[in-house]
PDB file of N, CA and C in Angstrom:
ATOM      1  N   UNK A   1     -23.134   1.931   8.716  1.00  0.00           N
ATOM      2  CA  UNK A   1     -22.291   1.935   7.546  1.00  0.00           C
ATOM      3  C   UNK A   1     -21.529   0.618   7.454  1.00  0.00           C
ATOM      4  N   UNK A   2     -21.484   0.024   6.288  1.00  0.00           N
ATOM      5  CA  UNK A   2     -20.813  -1.254   6.091  1.00  0.00           C
ATOM      6  C   UNK A   2     -19.300  -1.085   6.193  1.00  0.00           C
ATOM      7  N   UNK A   3     -18.655  -2.105   6.724  1.00  0.00           N
ATOM      8  CA  UNK A   3     -17.203  -2.085   6.836  1.00  0.00           C
ATOM      9  C   UNK A   3     -16.559  -2.293   5.477  1.00  0.00           C
ATOM     10  N   UNK A   4     -15.426  -1.646   5.262  1.00  0.00           N
ATOM     11  CA  UNK A   4     -14.678  -1.823   4.023  1.00  0.00           C
ATOM     12  C   UNK A   4     -13.804  -3.071   4.065  1.00  0.00           C
ATOM     13  N   UNK A   5     -13.720  -3.720   5.233  1.00  0.00           N
ATOM     14  CA  UNK A   5     -12.897  -4.907   5.392  1.00  0.00           C
ATOM     15  C   UNK A   5     -13.812  -6.119   5.418  1.00  0.00           C
ATOM     16  N   UNK A   6     -13.574  -7.059   4.500  1.00  0.00           N
ATOM     17  CA  UNK A   6     -14.416  -8.259   4.453  1.00  0.00           C
ATOM     18  C   UNK A   6     -13.936  -9.277   5.481  1.00  0.00           C
ATOM     19  N   UNK A   7     -14.784 -10.242   5.768  1.00  0.00           N
ATOM     20  CA  UNK A   7     -14.469 -11.254   6.766  1.00  0.00           C
ATOM     21  C   UNK A   7     -13.257 -12.090   6.371  1.00  0.00           C
ATOM     22  N   UNK A   8     -12.960 -12.181   5.071  1.00  0.00           N
ATOM     23  CA  UNK A   8     -11.834 -13.005   4.620  1.00  0.00           C
ATOM     24  C   UNK A   8     -10.497 -12.278   4.709  1.00  0.00           C
ATOM     25  N   UNK A   9     -10.518 -11.006   5.078  1.00  0.00           N
ATOM     26  CA  UNK A   9      -9.285 -10.231   5.165  1.00  0.00           C
ATOM     27  C   UNK A   9      -8.788 -10.175   6.602  1.00  0.00           C
ATOM     28  N   UNK A  10      -7.464 -10.237   6.736  1.00  0.00           N
ATOM     29  CA  UNK A  10      -6.864 -10.068   8.055  1.00  0.00           C
ATOM     30  C   UNK A  10      -6.095  -8.757   8.066  1.00  0.00           C
ATOM     31  N   UNK A  11      -6.119  -8.083   9.195  1.00  0.00           N
ATOM     32  CA  UNK A  11      -5.379  -6.838   9.321  1.00  0.00           C
ATOM     33  C   UNK A  11      -3.895  -7.098   9.423  1.00  0.00           C
ATOM     34  N   UNK A  12      -3.107  -6.296   8.748  1.00  0.00           N
ATOM     35  CA  UNK A  12      -1.652  -6.327   8.868  1.00  0.00           C
ATOM     36  C   UNK A  12      -1.318  -5.245   9.888  1.00  0.00           C
ATOM     37  N   UNK A  13      -0.822  -5.648  11.043  1.00  0.00           N
ATOM     38  CA  UNK A  13      -0.709  -4.705  12.147  1.00  0.00           C
ATOM     39  C   UNK A  13       0.718  -4.314  12.503  1.00  0.00           C
ATOM     40  N   UNK A  14       1.713  -5.022  11.960  1.00  0.00           N
ATOM     41  CA  UNK A  14       3.098  -4.673  12.311  1.00  0.00           C
ATOM     42  C   UNK A  14       3.939  -4.464  11.063  1.00  0.00           C
ATOM     43  N   UNK A  15       4.967  -3.645  11.219  1.00  0.00           N
ATOM     44  CA  UNK A  15       5.892  -3.397  10.112  1.00  0.00           C
ATOM     45  C   UNK A  15       6.519  -4.708   9.638  1.00  0.00           C
ATOM     46  N   UNK A  16       6.913  -5.586  10.568  1.00  0.00           N
ATOM     47  CA  UNK A  16       7.565  -6.836  10.162  1.00  0.00           C
ATOM     48  C   UNK A  16       6.609  -7.724   9.361  1.00  0.00           C
ATOM     49  N   UNK A  17       5.341  -7.799   9.760  1.00  0.00           N
ATOM     50  CA  UNK A  17       4.366  -8.575   8.976  1.00  0.00           C
ATOM     51  C   UNK A  17       4.197  -7.969   7.585  1.00  0.00           C
ATOM     52  N   UNK A  18       4.115  -6.643   7.510  1.00  0.00           N
ATOM     53  CA  UNK A  18       3.977  -5.966   6.228  1.00  0.00           C
ATOM     54  C   UNK A  18       5.189  -6.255   5.342  1.00  0.00           C
ATOM     55  N   UNK A  19       6.383  -6.080   5.899  1.00  0.00           N
ATOM     56  CA  UNK A  19       7.587  -6.318   5.116  1.00  0.00           C
ATOM     57  C   UNK A  19       7.672  -7.770   4.652  1.00  0.00           C
ATOM     58  N   UNK A  20       7.271  -8.704   5.490  1.00  0.00           N
ATOM     59  CA  UNK A  20       7.293 -10.120   5.083  1.00  0.00           C
ATOM     60  C   UNK A  20       6.398 -10.374   3.879  1.00  0.00           C
ATOM     61  N   UNK A  21       5.332  -9.602   3.743  1.00  0.00           N
ATOM     62  CA  UNK A  21       4.424  -9.752   2.600  1.00  0.00           C
ATOM     63  C   UNK A  21       4.955  -9.092   1.331  1.00  0.00           C
ATOM     64  N   UNK A  22       5.613  -7.930   1.442  1.00  0.00           N
ATOM     65  CA  UNK A  22       5.885  -7.112   0.244  1.00  0.00           C
ATOM     66  C   UNK A  22       7.331  -7.040  -0.217  1.00  0.00           C
ATOM     67  N   UNK A  23       8.300  -7.259   0.671  1.00  0.00           N
ATOM     68  CA  UNK A  23       9.695  -7.077   0.273  1.00  0.00           C
ATOM     69  C   UNK A  23      10.062  -8.121  -0.792  1.00  0.00           C
ATOM     70  N   UNK A  24      10.745  -7.652  -1.829  1.00  0.00           N
ATOM     71  CA  UNK A  24      11.152  -8.471  -2.984  1.00  0.00           C
ATOM     72  C   UNK A  24       9.980  -8.937  -3.834  1.00  0.00           C
ATOM     73  N   UNK A  25       8.848  -8.249  -3.727  1.00  0.00           N
ATOM     74  CA  UNK A  25       7.685  -8.547  -4.571  1.00  0.00           C
ATOM     75  C   UNK A  25       7.218  -7.259  -5.226  1.00  0.00           C
ATOM     76  N   UNK A  26       6.395  -7.420  -6.234  1.00  0.00           N
ATOM     77  CA  UNK A  26       5.749  -6.282  -6.896  1.00  0.00           C
ATOM     78  C   UNK A  26       4.308  -6.225  -6.422  1.00  0.00           C
ATOM     79  N   UNK A  27       3.836  -5.010  -6.181  1.00  0.00           N
ATOM     80  CA  UNK A  27       2.419  -4.776  -5.915  1.00  0.00           C
ATOM     81  C   UNK A  27       1.834  -4.328  -7.249  1.00  0.00           C
ATOM     82  N   UNK A  28       0.874  -5.100  -7.774  1.00  0.00           N
ATOM     83  CA  UNK A  28       0.374  -4.815  -9.115  1.00  0.00           C
ATOM     84  C   UNK A  28      -1.143  -4.737  -9.156  1.00  0.00           C
ATOM     85  N   UNK A  29      -1.618  -3.794  -9.971  1.00  0.00           N
ATOM     86  CA  UNK A  29      -3.018  -3.676 -10.365  1.00  0.00           C
ATOM     87  C   UNK A  29      -3.018  -3.037 -11.740  1.00  0.00           C
ATOM     88  N   UNK A  30      -4.146  -2.887 -12.370  1.00  0.00           N
ATOM     89  CA  UNK A  30      -4.217  -2.402 -13.747  1.00  0.00           C
ATOM     90  C   UNK A  30      -3.393  -1.129 -13.926  1.00  0.00           C
ATOM     91  N   UNK A  31      -2.402  -1.173 -14.807  1.00  0.00           N
ATOM     92  CA  UNK A  31      -1.517  -0.059 -15.160  1.00  0.00           C
ATOM     93  C   UNK A  31      -0.599   0.416 -14.039  1.00  0.00           C
ATOM     94  N   UNK A  32      -0.501  -0.336 -12.949  1.00  0.00           N
ATOM     95  CA  UNK A  32       0.341   0.056 -11.817  1.00  0.00           C
ATOM     96  C   UNK A  32       1.230  -1.114 -11.399  1.00  0.00           C
ATOM     97  N   UNK A  33       2.511  -0.829 -11.191  1.00  0.00           N
ATOM     98  CA  UNK A  33       3.453  -1.810 -10.648  1.00  0.00           C
ATOM     99  C   UNK A  33       4.400  -1.078  -9.705  1.00  0.00           C
ATOM    100  N   UNK A  34       4.381  -1.468  -8.435  1.00  0.00           N
ATOM    101  CA  UNK A  34       5.163  -0.777  -7.410  1.00  0.00           C
ATOM    102  C   UNK A  34       6.005  -1.759  -6.609  1.00  0.00           C
ATOM    103  N   UNK A  35       7.142  -1.275  -6.132  1.00  0.00           N
ATOM    104  CA  UNK A  35       7.965  -2.006  -5.172  1.00  0.00           C
ATOM    105  C   UNK A  35       8.064  -1.159  -3.910  1.00  0.00           C
ATOM    106  N   UNK A  36       7.999  -1.833  -2.770  1.00  0.00           N
ATOM    107  CA  UNK A  36       8.147  -1.184  -1.474  1.00  0.00           C
ATOM    108  C   UNK A  36       9.374  -1.823  -0.832  1.00  0.00           C
ATOM    109  N   UNK A  37      10.373  -0.999  -0.480  1.00  0.00           N
ATOM    110  CA  UNK A  37      11.626  -1.555   0.024  1.00  0.00           C
ATOM    111  C   UNK A  37      11.753  -1.385   1.536  1.00  0.00           C
ATOM    112  N   UNK A  38      12.595  -2.207   2.140  1.00  0.00           N
ATOM    113  CA  UNK A  38      12.754  -2.194   3.595  1.00  0.00           C
ATOM    114  C   UNK A  38      13.411  -0.913   4.096  1.00  0.00           C
ATOM    115  N   UNK A  39      14.053  -0.140   3.194  1.00  0.00           N
ATOM    116  CA  UNK A  39      14.669   1.124   3.620  1.00  0.00           C
ATOM    117  C   UNK A  39      13.709   2.303   3.495  1.00  0.00           C
ATOM    118  N   UNK A  40      12.399   2.010   3.350  1.00  0.00           N
ATOM    119  CA  UNK A  40      11.397   3.073   3.381  1.00  0.00           C
ATOM    120  C   UNK A  40      11.138   3.765   2.060  1.00  0.00           C
ATOM    121  N   UNK A  41      11.451   3.107   0.953  1.00  0.00           N
ATOM    122  CA  UNK A  41      11.245   3.717  -0.367  1.00  0.00           C
ATOM    123  C   UNK A  41      10.126   3.005  -1.130  1.00  0.00           C
ATOM    124  N   UNK A  42       9.484   3.764  -2.005  1.00  0.00           N
ATOM    125  CA  UNK A  42       8.474   3.250  -2.932  1.00  0.00           C
ATOM    126  C   UNK A  42       8.941   3.639  -4.330  1.00  0.00           C
ATOM    127  N   UNK A  43       8.895   2.687  -5.265  1.00  0.00           N
ATOM    128  CA  UNK A  43       9.258   3.019  -6.639  1.00  0.00           C
ATOM    129  C   UNK A  43       8.462   2.137  -7.592  1.00  0.00           C
ATOM    130  N   UNK A  44       8.259   2.656  -8.788  1.00  0.00           N
ATOM    131  CA  UNK A  44       7.537   1.894  -9.783  1.00  0.00           C
ATOM    132  C   UNK A  44       6.963   2.800 -10.843  1.00  0.00           C
ATOM    133  N   UNK A  45       5.824   2.357 -11.409  1.00  0.00           N
ATOM    134  CA  UNK A  45       5.176   3.155 -12.446  1.00  0.00           C
ATOM    135  C   UNK A  45       3.664   2.978 -12.353  1.00  0.00           C
ATOM    136  N   UNK A  46       2.961   4.010 -12.824  1.00  0.00           N
ATOM    137  CA  UNK A  46       1.502   3.991 -12.863  1.00  0.00           C
ATOM    138  C   UNK A  46       1.061   4.774 -14.088  1.00  0.00           C
ATOM    139  N   UNK A  47       0.315   4.129 -14.961  1.00  0.00           N
ATOM    140  CA  UNK A  47      -0.207   4.768 -16.169  1.00  0.00           C
ATOM    141  C   UNK A  47       0.891   5.481 -16.961  1.00  0.00           C
ATOM    142  N   UNK A  48       2.058   4.830 -17.054  1.00  0.00           N
ATOM    143  CA  UNK A  48       3.146   5.360 -17.857  1.00  0.00           C
ATOM    144  C   UNK A  48       4.011   6.415 -17.197  1.00  0.00           C
ATOM    145  N   UNK A  49       3.717   6.763 -15.953  1.00  0.00           N
ATOM    146  CA  UNK A  49       4.523   7.753 -15.237  1.00  0.00           C
ATOM    147  C   UNK A  49       5.287   7.074 -14.107  1.00  0.00           C
ATOM    148  N   UNK A  50       6.473   7.601 -13.816  1.00  0.00           N
ATOM    149  CA  UNK A  50       7.245   7.083 -12.696  1.00  0.00           C
ATOM    150  C   UNK A  50       6.562   7.414 -11.382  1.00  0.00           C
ATOM    151  N   UNK A  51       6.675   6.489 -10.446  1.00  0.00           N
ATOM    152  CA  UNK A  51       6.190   6.698  -9.078  1.00  0.00           C
ATOM    153  C   UNK A  51       7.385   6.552  -8.143  1.00  0.00           C
ATOM    154  N   UNK A  52       7.560   7.523  -7.258  1.00  0.00           N
ATOM    155  CA  UNK A  52       8.573   7.446  -6.214  1.00  0.00           C
ATOM    156  C   UNK A  52       7.932   7.906  -4.914  1.00  0.00           C
ATOM    157  N   UNK A  53       8.490   7.448  -3.816  1.00  0.00           N
ATOM    158  CA  UNK A  53       7.941   7.885  -2.544  1.00  0.00           C
ATOM    159  C   UNK A  53       8.705   7.336  -1.364  1.00  0.00           C
ATOM    160  N   UNK A  54       8.221   7.700  -0.206  1.00  0.00           N
ATOM    161  CA  UNK A  54       8.779   7.245   1.061  1.00  0.00           C
ATOM    162  C   UNK A  54       7.643   6.708   1.913  1.00  0.00           C
ATOM    163  N   UNK A  55       7.959   5.717   2.746  1.00  0.00           N
ATOM    164  CA  UNK A  55       6.937   5.156   3.617  1.00  0.00           C
ATOM    165  C   UNK A  55       7.522   4.850   4.989  1.00  0.00           C
ATOM    166  N   UNK A  56       6.627   4.729   5.956  1.00  0.00           N
ATOM    167  CA  UNK A  56       6.986   4.306   7.303  1.00  0.00           C
ATOM    168  C   UNK A  56       5.779   3.573   7.885  1.00  0.00           C
ATOM    169  N   UNK A  57       5.989   2.869   8.956  1.00  0.00           N
ATOM    170  CA  UNK A  57       4.906   2.171   9.659  1.00  0.00           C
ATOM    171  C   UNK A  57       4.698   2.898  10.972  1.00  0.00           C
ATOM    172  N   UNK A  58       3.540   3.530  11.148  1.00  0.00           N
ATOM    173  CA  UNK A  58       3.285   4.352  12.331  1.00  0.00           C
ATOM    174  C   UNK A  58       1.969   3.938  12.968  1.00  0.00           C
ATOM    175  N   UNK A  59       2.029   3.496  14.226  1.00  0.00           N
ATOM    176  CA  UNK A  59       0.834   3.134  15.003  1.00  0.00           C
ATOM    177  C   UNK A  59      -0.092   2.164  14.265  1.00  0.00           C
ATOM    178  N   UNK A  60       0.485   1.178  13.574  1.00  0.00           N
ATOM    179  CA  UNK A  60      -0.310   0.157  12.905  1.00  0.00           C
ATOM    180  C   UNK A  60      -0.779   0.522  11.501  1.00  0.00           C
ATOM    181  N   UNK A  61      -0.267   1.629  10.963  1.00  0.00           N
ATOM    182  CA  UNK A  61      -0.676   2.069   9.635  1.00  0.00           C
ATOM    183  C   UNK A  61       0.534   2.259   8.715  1.00  0.00           C
ATOM    184  N   UNK A  62       0.309   2.009   7.422  1.00  0.00           N
ATOM    185  CA  UNK A  62       1.281   2.283   6.365  1.00  0.00           C
ATOM    186  C   UNK A  62       1.126   3.759   6.001  1.00  0.00           C
ATOM    187  N   UNK A  63       2.147   4.561   6.296  1.00  0.00           N
ATOM    188  CA  UNK A  63       2.083   6.004   6.042  1.00  0.00           C
ATOM    189  C   UNK A  63       3.063   6.340   4.941  1.00  0.00           C
ATOM    190  N   UNK A  64       2.570   7.081   3.922  1.00  0.00           N
ATOM    191  CA  UNK A  64       3.417   7.321   2.757  1.00  0.00           C
ATOM    192  C   UNK A  64       3.206   8.702   2.157  1.00  0.00           C
ATOM    193  N   UNK A  65       4.268   9.143   1.482  1.00  0.00           N
ATOM    194  CA  UNK A  65       4.195  10.270   0.564  1.00  0.00           C
ATOM    195  C   UNK A  65       4.617   9.712  -0.787  1.00  0.00           C
ATOM    196  N   UNK A  66       4.048  10.224  -1.875  1.00  0.00           N
ATOM    197  CA  UNK A  66       4.410   9.723  -3.193  1.00  0.00           C
ATOM    198  C   UNK A  66       4.345  10.833  -4.228  1.00  0.00           C
ATOM    199  N   UNK A  67       5.183  10.673  -5.243  1.00  0.00           N
ATOM    200  CA  UNK A  67       5.111  11.487  -6.442  1.00  0.00           C
ATOM    201  C   UNK A  67       4.716  10.574  -7.587  1.00  0.00           C
ATOM    202  N   UNK A  68       3.710  10.980  -8.337  1.00  0.00           N
ATOM    203  CA  UNK A  68       3.280  10.275  -9.544  1.00  0.00           C
ATOM    204  C   UNK A  68       3.595  11.221 -10.690  1.00  0.00           C
ATOM    205  N   UNK A  69       4.718  10.957 -11.379  1.00  0.00           N
ATOM    206  CA  UNK A  69       5.210  11.945 -12.326  1.00  0.00           C
ATOM    207  C   UNK A  69       5.556  13.203 -11.547  1.00  0.00           C
ATOM    208  N   UNK A  70       5.020  14.336 -11.968  1.00  0.00           N
ATOM    209  CA  UNK A  70       5.252  15.600 -11.259  1.00  0.00           C
ATOM    210  C   UNK A  70       4.185  15.876 -10.200  1.00  0.00           C
ATOM    211  N   UNK A  71       3.184  15.019 -10.116  1.00  0.00           N
ATOM    212  CA  UNK A  71       2.066  15.258  -9.190  1.00  0.00           C
ATOM    213  C   UNK A  71       2.357  14.669  -7.815  1.00  0.00           C
ATOM    214  N   UNK A  72       2.240  15.515  -6.803  1.00  0.00           N
ATOM    215  CA  UNK A  72       2.451  15.057  -5.438  1.00  0.00           C
ATOM    216  C   UNK A  72       1.149  14.501  -4.869  1.00  0.00           C
ATOM    217  N   UNK A  73       1.221  13.264  -4.379  1.00  0.00           N
ATOM    218  CA  UNK A  73       0.072  12.657  -3.699  1.00  0.00           C
ATOM    219  C   UNK A  73       0.274  12.908  -2.214  1.00  0.00           C
ATOM    220  N   UNK A  74      -0.713  13.496  -1.585  1.00  0.00           N
ATOM    221  CA  UNK A  74      -0.549  13.955  -0.209  1.00  0.00           C
ATOM    222  C   UNK A  74      -0.261  12.802   0.755  1.00  0.00           C
ATOM    223  N   UNK A  75       0.428  13.152   1.833  1.00  0.00           N
ATOM    224  CA  UNK A  75       0.753  12.210   2.902  1.00  0.00           C
ATOM    225  C   UNK A  75      -0.531  11.538   3.369  1.00  0.00           C
ATOM    226  N   UNK A  76      -0.477  10.209   3.525  1.00  0.00           N
ATOM    227  CA  UNK A  76      -1.659   9.492   3.964  1.00  0.00           C
ATOM    228  C   UNK A  76      -1.240   8.254   4.730  1.00  0.00           C
ATOM    229  N   UNK A  77      -1.931   7.977   5.826  1.00  0.00           N
ATOM    230  CA  UNK A  77      -1.715   6.755   6.596  1.00  0.00           C
ATOM    231  C   UNK A  77      -2.878   5.816   6.303  1.00  0.00           C
ATOM    232  N   UNK A  78      -2.536   4.564   5.965  1.00  0.00           N
ATOM    233  CA  UNK A  78      -3.523   3.632   5.439  1.00  0.00           C
ATOM    234  C   UNK A  78      -3.568   2.339   6.235  1.00  0.00           C
ATOM    235  N   UNK A  79      -4.772   1.847   6.423  1.00  0.00           N
ATOM    236  CA  UNK A  79      -4.976   0.530   6.995  1.00  0.00           C
ATOM    237  C   UNK A  79      -4.631  -0.497   5.927  1.00  0.00           C
ATOM    238  N   UNK A  80      -3.904  -1.554   6.308  1.00  0.00           N
ATOM    239  CA  UNK A  80      -3.527  -2.595   5.357  1.00  0.00           C
ATOM    240  C   UNK A  80      -4.154  -3.914   5.788  1.00  0.00           C
ATOM    241  N   UNK A  81      -4.788  -4.595   4.827  1.00  0.00           N
ATOM    242  CA  UNK A  81      -5.336  -5.931   5.080  1.00  0.00           C
ATOM    243  C   UNK A  81      -4.844  -6.869   3.986  1.00  0.00           C
ATOM    244  N   UNK A  82      -4.950  -8.168   4.249  1.00  0.00           N
ATOM    245  CA  UNK A  82      -4.498  -9.185   3.303  1.00  0.00           C
ATOM    246  C   UNK A  82      -5.526 -10.314   3.307  1.00  0.00           C
ATOM    247  N   UNK A  83      -5.895 -10.772   2.108  1.00  0.00           N
ATOM    248  CA  UNK A  83      -6.898 -11.837   2.014  1.00  0.00           C
ATOM    249  C   UNK A  83      -6.304 -13.173   1.559  1.00  0.00           C
ATOM    250  N   UNK A  84      -4.977 -13.286   1.588  1.00  0.00           N
ATOM    251  CA  UNK A  84      -4.320 -14.502   1.149  1.00  0.00           C
ATOM    252  C   UNK A  84      -3.789 -14.402  -0.272  1.00  0.00           C
ATOM    253  N   UNK A  85      -4.334 -13.469  -1.061  1.00  0.00           N
ATOM    254  CA  UNK A  85      -3.892 -13.262  -2.441  1.00  0.00           C
ATOM    255  C   UNK A  85      -3.559 -11.805  -2.731  1.00  0.00           C
ATOM    256  N   UNK A  86      -4.370 -10.915  -2.198  1.00  0.00           N
ATOM    257  CA  UNK A  86      -4.229  -9.493  -2.517  1.00  0.00           C
ATOM    258  C   UNK A  86      -4.042  -8.680  -1.237  1.00  0.00           C
ATOM    259  N   UNK A  87      -3.220  -7.647  -1.373  1.00  0.00           N
ATOM    260  CA  UNK A  87      -3.009  -6.703  -0.291  1.00  0.00           C
ATOM    261  C   UNK A  87      -3.930  -5.512  -0.542  1.00  0.00           C
ATOM    262  N   UNK A  88      -4.612  -5.054   0.490  1.00  0.00           N
ATOM    263  CA  UNK A  88      -5.579  -3.969   0.372  1.00  0.00           C
ATOM    264  C   UNK A  88      -5.108  -2.792   1.228  1.00  0.00           C
ATOM    265  N   UNK A  89      -5.082  -1.618   0.630  1.00  0.00           N
ATOM    266  CA  UNK A  89      -4.720  -0.387   1.327  1.00  0.00           C
ATOM    267  C   UNK A  89      -5.977   0.472   1.396  1.00  0.00           C
ATOM    268  N   UNK A  90      -6.367   0.853   2.617  1.00  0.00           N
ATOM    269  CA  UNK A  90      -7.569   1.668   2.804  1.00  0.00           C
ATOM    270  C   UNK A  90      -7.117   3.008   3.373  1.00  0.00           C
ATOM    271  N   UNK A  91      -7.300   4.059   2.570  1.00  0.00           N
ATOM    272  CA  UNK A  91      -6.776   5.381   2.927  1.00  0.00           C
ATOM    273  C   UNK A  91      -7.443   5.943   4.186  1.00  0.00           C
ATOM    274  N   UNK A  92      -6.866   7.027   4.664  1.00  0.00           N
ATOM    275  CA  UNK A  92      -7.404   7.754   5.816  1.00  0.00           C
ATOM    276  C   UNK A  92      -7.614   6.846   7.027  1.00  0.00           C
ATOM    277  N   UNK A  93      -6.598   6.061   7.339  1.00  0.00           N
ATOM    278  CA  UNK A  93      -6.602   5.136   8.484  1.00  0.00           C
ATOM    279  C   UNK A  93      -7.793   4.187   8.464  1.00  0.00           C
ATOM    280  N   UNK A  94      -8.149   3.728   7.263  1.00  0.00           N
ATOM    281  CA  UNK A  94      -9.223   2.755   7.120  1.00  0.00           C
ATOM    282  C   UNK A  94     -10.591   3.351   6.890  1.00  0.00           C
ATOM    283  N   UNK A  95     -10.684   4.667   6.777  1.00  0.00           N
ATOM    284  CA  UNK A  95     -11.980   5.328   6.595  1.00  0.00           C
ATOM    285  C   UNK A  95     -12.230   5.773   5.157  1.00  0.00           C
ATOM    286  N   UNK A  96     -11.213   5.650   4.288  1.00  0.00           N
ATOM    287  CA  UNK A  96     -11.321   6.182   2.928  1.00  0.00           C
ATOM    288  C   UNK A  96     -11.446   5.110   1.866  1.00  0.00           C
ATOM    289  N   UNK A  97     -10.872   5.413   0.710  1.00  0.00           N
ATOM    290  CA  UNK A  97     -10.970   4.517  -0.438  1.00  0.00           C
ATOM    291  C   UNK A  97     -10.015   3.345  -0.304  1.00  0.00           C
ATOM    292  N   UNK A  98     -10.409   2.242  -0.931  1.00  0.00           N
ATOM    293  CA  UNK A  98      -9.643   1.011  -0.880  1.00  0.00           C
ATOM    294  C   UNK A  98      -8.989   0.749  -2.234  1.00  0.00           C
ATOM    295  N   UNK A  99      -7.707   0.394  -2.207  1.00  0.00           N
ATOM    296  CA  UNK A  99      -6.984  -0.014  -3.406  1.00  0.00           C
ATOM    297  C   UNK A  99      -6.380  -1.390  -3.148  1.00  0.00           C
ATOM    298  N   UNK A 100      -6.629  -2.323  -4.056  1.00  0.00           N
ATOM    299  CA  UNK A 100      -6.157  -3.696  -3.883  1.00  0.00           C
ATOM    300  C   UNK A 100      -5.068  -4.003  -4.891  1.00  0.00           C
ATOM    301  N   UNK A 101      -4.049  -4.727  -4.428  1.00  0.00           N
ATOM    302  CA  UNK A 101      -2.902  -5.071  -5.255  1.00  0.00           C
ATOM    303  C   UNK A 101      -2.605  -6.564  -5.164  1.00  0.00           C
ATOM    304  N   UNK A 102      -2.313  -7.163  -6.315  1.00  0.00           N
ATOM    305  CA  UNK A 102      -1.819  -8.537  -6.343  1.00  0.00           C
ATOM    306  C   UNK A 102      -0.340  -8.500  -5.965  1.00  0.00           C
ATOM    307  N   UNK A 103       0.125  -9.523  -5.283  1.00  0.00           N
ATOM    308  CA  UNK A 103       1.539  -9.647  -4.941  1.00  0.00           C
ATOM    309  C   UNK A 103       2.171 -10.610  -5.942  1.00  0.00           C
ATOM    310  N   UNK A 104       3.207 -10.166  -6.632  1.00  0.00           N
ATOM    311  CA  UNK A 104       3.882 -11.018  -7.624  1.00  0.00           C
ATOM    312  C   UNK A 104       5.359 -11.097  -7.352  1.00  0.00           C
TER     313      UNK A 104
END
């Protein structure tokens, strides 16, 4: 099975490295704009609905719970990689779907 991580991506392995990439920036992709704060909060919007959530860094993974409008998105720990321009979140500890965000 092919890897979901390309050779140009580097793994983000520590909370401090992750925070250095995202704090005071927006994570953006089509119809989505999110902020991740150092106090463990997620806020923003997706497809016209508010997004709120909580996050932590556990054993090298970004672990989060989120609400998208009234819909609860289940707790998930995600592998995070960075290619120099975009941050990539791969669900299920790197075994699931990949979502890429521009940092602005």
